[in-house]
């Protein structure tokens, strides 16, 4: 069961869907409640939550600001609930890597579907963590070091759609981040960030060539929520835009 911190910035909405939904059936449990941004940040710092759900309704600007403040200290998944559908707010939500943005009118089915999608992602990440933990071993043994590097690569492959940092992987494997970074570069002949970029771009190239997925869908699959950033990285890596690359592939096929 994944722990949820529910933040209600619209304090007159205690009878709305978020409180009547059976969160447990979706694999989540309401373990914390806050009615101000300050209280939410305090709880995030004290306890480990798997999800922060923010009911912003008439406090959308405050809700978006809270997302930014949470991102300064954590990459915990965030779902925004309530308020009007607004393109600029949606862009800011994407910038802060919000998992979902559910404006009014909100239905229980919409929220349940969003939670089930997030649960699938959390389950996948948890499975990857377990695999990595199982193969953490002596850093003094050369073969063990190679095995650890392989697990770093496996983790990257399984969590490519998520925000990935070497620091998080180092914590999972119980290694010093700088030490693991040096060992990774020694074994792979490139830095971790260079390797991560390579894997994302090669995956994007493969999807452009072998699927009919839209470019923004491919960007999400390889871990980019900001389209401009994905376009910039892809063009820098291949020399052409994603759309140009797909056209070139179709011509040569």
Protein backbone atom coordinates (compact mmCIF):
# COMPACT_ATOMS: atom_id res chain seq x y z
CA UNK A 1 0.00 0.00 0.00
CA UNK A 2 1.46 3.36 -1.05
CA UNK A 3 1.23 6.25 1.44
CA UNK A 4 -0.52 9.43 0.32
CA UNK A 5 -0.21 12.95 1.69
CA UNK A 6 -3.44 14.79 0.85
CA UNK A 7 -3.11 18.58 0.71
CA UNK A 8 -6.39 20.51 0.71
CA UNK A 9 -5.72 24.14 -0.21
CA UNK A 10 -9.47 24.67 -0.62
CA UNK A 11 -10.54 23.94 2.94
CA UNK A 12 -14.28 24.07 2.21
CA UNK A 13 -14.20 20.94 0.03
CA UNK A 14 -13.96 18.18 2.63
CA UNK A 15 -16.97 16.39 1.15
CA UNK A 16 -15.63 16.22 -2.40
CA UNK A 17 -14.55 13.11 -4.33
CA UNK A 18 -10.99 12.81 -2.91
CA UNK A 19 -12.47 12.09 0.52
CA UNK A 20 -15.16 9.68 -0.60
CA UNK A 21 -12.97 7.67 -3.02
CA UNK A 22 -11.86 4.20 -1.89
CA UNK A 23 -8.13 4.88 -2.18
CA UNK A 24 -7.25 1.43 -0.81
CA UNK A 25 -8.78 -0.32 -3.81
CA UNK A 26 -6.35 1.58 -6.03
CA UNK A 27 -3.40 0.54 -3.85
CA UNK A 28 -3.05 3.78 -1.84
CA UNK A 29 -3.71 4.84 1.73
CA UNK A 30 -4.35 8.37 3.00
CA UNK A 31 -1.68 8.64 5.69
CA UNK A 32 -1.27 12.40 6.01
CA UNK A 33 -3.32 15.60 5.69
CA UNK A 34 -2.33 19.25 5.35
CA UNK A 35 -4.42 22.37 4.70
CA UNK A 36 -1.54 24.77 4.05
CA UNK A 37 1.59 24.71 1.90
CA UNK A 38 3.79 25.11 4.98
CA UNK A 39 2.20 22.10 6.68
CA UNK A 40 2.55 20.03 3.51
CA UNK A 41 6.26 20.83 3.18
CA UNK A 42 6.83 20.02 6.85
CA UNK A 43 5.14 16.62 6.51
CA UNK A 44 7.07 15.85 3.30
CA UNK A 45 10.31 16.48 5.18
CA UNK A 46 9.35 14.30 8.15
CA UNK A 47 7.79 11.26 6.49
CA UNK A 48 8.21 9.28 3.28
CA UNK A 49 5.13 9.51 1.08
CA UNK A 50 4.71 7.75 -2.25
CA UNK A 51 2.27 10.39 -3.54
CA UNK A 52 1.26 13.97 -2.78
CA UNK A 53 -2.29 14.76 -3.95
CA UNK A 54 -3.07 18.50 -3.98
CA UNK A 55 -6.69 19.63 -4.05
CA UNK A 56 -6.22 23.23 -5.24
CA UNK A 57 -9.65 24.15 -6.72
CA UNK A 58 -9.82 27.91 -6.03
CA UNK A 59 -6.13 28.09 -5.05
CA UNK A 60 -4.48 27.02 -8.31
CA UNK A 61 -1.61 29.51 -8.17
CA UNK A 62 -0.76 28.36 -4.65
CA UNK A 63 -1.01 24.72 -5.75
CA UNK A 64 1.48 25.23 -8.59
CA UNK A 65 3.82 27.16 -6.28
CA UNK A 66 3.67 24.27 -3.80
CA UNK A 67 4.68 21.86 -6.58
CA UNK A 68 7.82 23.93 -7.16
CA UNK A 69 8.66 24.01 -3.46
CA UNK A 70 8.18 20.25 -3.16
CA UNK A 71 10.45 19.70 -6.17
CA UNK A 72 13.22 21.57 -4.35
CA UNK A 73 13.37 18.74 -1.83
CA UNK A 74 11.81 15.67 -3.45
CA UNK A 75 10.79 13.94 -6.68
CA UNK A 76 7.73 12.35 -5.04
CA UNK A 77 4.87 11.91 -7.56
CA UNK A 78 2.27 14.71 -7.45
CA UNK A 79 -1.35 14.71 -8.64
CA UNK A 80 -3.14 18.05 -8.94
CA UNK A 81 -6.90 17.98 -8.40
CA UNK A 82 -9.59 20.60 -9.06
CA UNK A 83 -9.78 24.04 -10.60
CA UNK A 84 -10.35 25.11 -14.18
CA UNK A 85 -8.51 23.69 -17.18
CA UNK A 86 -5.79 26.21 -17.99
CA UNK A 87 -3.02 25.75 -20.58
CA UNK A 88 -0.45 27.88 -18.72
CA UNK A 89 -1.08 26.02 -15.48
CA UNK A 90 -0.76 22.72 -17.31
CA UNK A 91 2.61 23.83 -18.73
CA UNK A 92 3.85 24.74 -15.26
CA UNK A 93 2.60 21.41 -13.94
CA UNK A 94 4.59 19.62 -16.67
CA UNK A 95 7.67 21.69 -15.80
CA UNK A 96 7.46 20.44 -12.22
CA UNK A 97 7.00 16.86 -13.50
CA UNK A 98 3.51 16.52 -12.04
CA UNK A 99 2.19 13.00 -12.63
CA UNK A 100 -1.33 14.14 -13.50
CA UNK A 101 -3.47 17.29 -13.62
CA UNK A 102 -7.21 16.66 -13.13
CA UNK A 103 -9.28 19.87 -13.43
CA UNK A 104 -12.99 20.11 -12.63
CA UNK A 105 -15.39 18.54 -13.28
CA UNK A 106 -13.63 15.67 -11.53
CA UNK A 107 -15.09 12.18 -11.43
CA UNK A 108 -14.12 9.26 -9.23
CA UNK A 109 -13.34 7.26 -12.38
CA UNK A 110 -10.83 9.90 -13.56
CA UNK A 111 -9.01 9.91 -10.24
CA UNK A 112 -9.06 6.12 -9.95
CA UNK A 113 -7.60 5.73 -13.46
CA UNK A 114 -4.86 8.22 -12.61
CA UNK A 115 -4.02 6.37 -9.39
CA UNK A 116 -3.89 2.98 -11.13
CA UNK A 117 -1.52 4.36 -13.78
CA UNK A 118 0.73 5.80 -11.08
CA UNK A 119 0.62 2.55 -9.09
CA UNK A 120 1.89 0.66 -12.13
CA UNK A 121 4.85 3.04 -12.40
CA UNK A 122 5.59 2.81 -8.68
CA UNK A 123 5.42 -0.99 -8.81
CA UNK A 124 7.89 -1.04 -11.71
CA UNK A 125 10.29 1.28 -9.89
CA UNK A 126 10.00 -0.77 -6.70
CA UNK A 127 10.77 -3.95 -8.61
CA UNK A 128 13.84 -2.31 -10.11
CA UNK A 129 14.93 -1.21 -6.63
CA UNK A 130 14.59 -4.77 -5.34
CA UNK A 131 16.69 -6.09 -8.22
CA UNK A 132 19.38 -3.51 -7.51
CA UNK A 133 19.39 -4.24 -3.77
CA UNK A 134 19.70 -7.97 -4.37
CA UNK A 135 22.94 -7.53 -6.29
CA UNK A 136 24.68 -5.00 -4.04
CA UNK A 137 27.97 -6.61 -2.95
CA UNK A 138 31.59 -6.02 -2.02
CA UNK A 139 33.06 -2.96 -3.74
CA UNK A 140 36.56 -4.37 -3.40
CA UNK A 141 35.90 -7.35 -5.63
CA UNK A 142 36.46 -6.64 -9.33
CA UNK A 143 33.73 -9.00 -10.53
CA UNK A 144 31.34 -7.51 -7.98
CA UNK A 145 32.09 -4.03 -9.32
CA UNK A 146 31.27 -5.19 -12.85
CA UNK A 147 28.04 -6.68 -11.54
CA UNK A 148 27.12 -3.40 -9.87
CA UNK A 149 27.72 -1.52 -13.13
CA UNK A 150 25.43 -4.01 -14.88
CA UNK A 151 22.75 -3.34 -12.26
CA UNK A 152 23.09 0.40 -12.83
CA UNK A 153 22.47 -0.24 -16.52
CA UNK A 154 19.47 -2.48 -15.75
CA UNK A 155 18.02 0.17 -13.47
CA UNK A 156 18.38 2.79 -16.21
CA UNK A 157 16.65 0.50 -18.72
CA UNK A 158 13.72 -0.29 -16.43
CA UNK A 159 13.20 3.27 -15.13
CA UNK A 160 14.02 5.18 -18.33
CA UNK A 161 10.65 6.96 -18.24
CA UNK A 162 11.34 8.39 -14.79
CA UNK A 163 13.64 11.02 -13.36
CA UNK A 164 16.90 9.13 -12.76
CA UNK A 165 19.97 10.36 -10.86
CA UNK A 166 23.18 8.60 -9.97
CA UNK A 167 22.71 9.75 -6.39
CA UNK A 168 19.45 7.81 -6.06
CA UNK A 169 21.03 4.69 -7.57
CA UNK A 170 24.05 5.07 -5.28
CA UNK A 171 21.76 5.13 -2.25
CA UNK A 172 19.99 1.98 -3.44
CA UNK A 173 23.29 0.15 -3.97
CA UNK A 174 24.85 1.56 -0.78
CA UNK A 175 27.75 3.16 -2.64
CA UNK A 176 29.34 6.58 -2.40
CA UNK A 177 27.98 8.57 -5.35
CA UNK A 178 31.36 9.95 -6.46
CA UNK A 179 32.98 6.52 -6.16
CA UNK A 180 30.24 4.82 -8.19
CA UNK A 181 30.46 7.57 -10.80
CA UNK A 182 34.21 6.99 -11.19
CA UNK A 183 33.78 3.22 -11.44
CA UNK A 184 30.99 3.62 -13.98
CA UNK A 185 33.10 5.87 -16.18
CA UNK A 186 36.05 3.46 -15.90
CA UNK A 187 33.92 0.47 -17.02
CA UNK A 188 31.73 2.16 -19.62
CA UNK A 189 34.15 4.82 -20.94
CA UNK A 190 31.59 7.59 -20.46
CA UNK A 191 30.00 9.40 -17.53
CA UNK A 192 26.69 8.24 -16.11
CA UNK A 193 24.88 11.30 -17.50
CA UNK A 194 26.37 10.69 -20.95
CA UNK A 195 25.24 7.06 -20.78
CA UNK A 196 21.74 8.05 -19.61
CA UNK A 197 21.42 10.51 -22.49
CA UNK A 198 22.64 7.87 -24.96
CA UNK A 199 20.08 5.33 -23.76
CA UNK A 200 17.23 7.85 -23.92
CA UNK A 201 18.14 9.06 -27.38
CA UNK A 202 18.68 5.56 -28.80
CA UNK A 203 15.33 4.48 -27.36
CA UNK A 204 13.70 7.55 -28.91
CA UNK A 205 15.29 6.78 -32.30
CA UNK A 206 14.03 3.20 -32.13
CA UNK A 207 10.48 4.31 -31.29
CA UNK A 208 10.50 6.88 -34.08
CA UNK A 209 11.59 4.18 -36.52
CA UNK A 210 9.45 1.25 -35.41
CA UNK A 211 6.24 2.78 -34.02
CA UNK A 212 3.59 5.33 -34.96
CA UNK A 213 3.78 7.01 -31.54
CA UNK A 214 3.58 10.80 -31.53
CA UNK A 215 6.77 12.66 -30.64
CA UNK A 216 5.40 13.92 -27.31
CA UNK A 217 4.46 10.33 -26.36
CA UNK A 218 7.99 9.16 -27.16
CA UNK A 219 9.42 12.03 -25.12
CA UNK A 220 7.42 10.87 -22.09
CA UNK A 221 8.51 7.25 -22.57
CA UNK A 222 12.18 8.26 -22.46
CA UNK A 223 11.82 10.52 -19.43
CA UNK A 224 11.18 14.01 -20.78
CA UNK A 225 8.13 15.96 -19.61
CA UNK A 226 9.28 19.19 -21.27
CA UNK A 227 9.00 18.90 -25.05
CA UNK A 228 11.39 21.81 -25.76
CA UNK A 229 14.10 20.10 -23.72
CA UNK A 230 13.54 16.80 -25.53
CA UNK A 231 13.70 18.49 -28.96
CA UNK A 232 16.92 20.27 -27.99
CA UNK A 233 18.61 17.12 -26.70
CA UNK A 234 17.48 14.98 -29.64
CA UNK A 235 18.73 17.45 -32.23
CA UNK A 236 22.02 17.88 -30.38
CA UNK A 237 22.45 14.09 -30.29
CA UNK A 238 21.42 13.25 -33.88
CA UNK A 239 21.92 16.51 -35.74
CA UNK A 240 18.29 16.61 -36.88
CA UNK A 241 14.90 17.12 -35.24
CA UNK A 242 12.74 14.17 -34.21
CA UNK A 243 10.31 14.77 -37.09
CA UNK A 244 13.15 15.07 -39.61
CA UNK A 245 14.67 11.86 -38.30
CA UNK A 246 11.40 9.98 -38.77
CA UNK A 247 11.10 11.29 -42.33
CA UNK A 248 14.68 10.24 -43.14
CA UNK A 249 14.06 6.74 -41.78
CA UNK A 250 10.84 6.33 -43.80
CA UNK A 251 12.64 7.41 -46.99
CA UNK A 252 15.49 4.91 -46.54
CA UNK A 253 13.23 2.06 -45.42
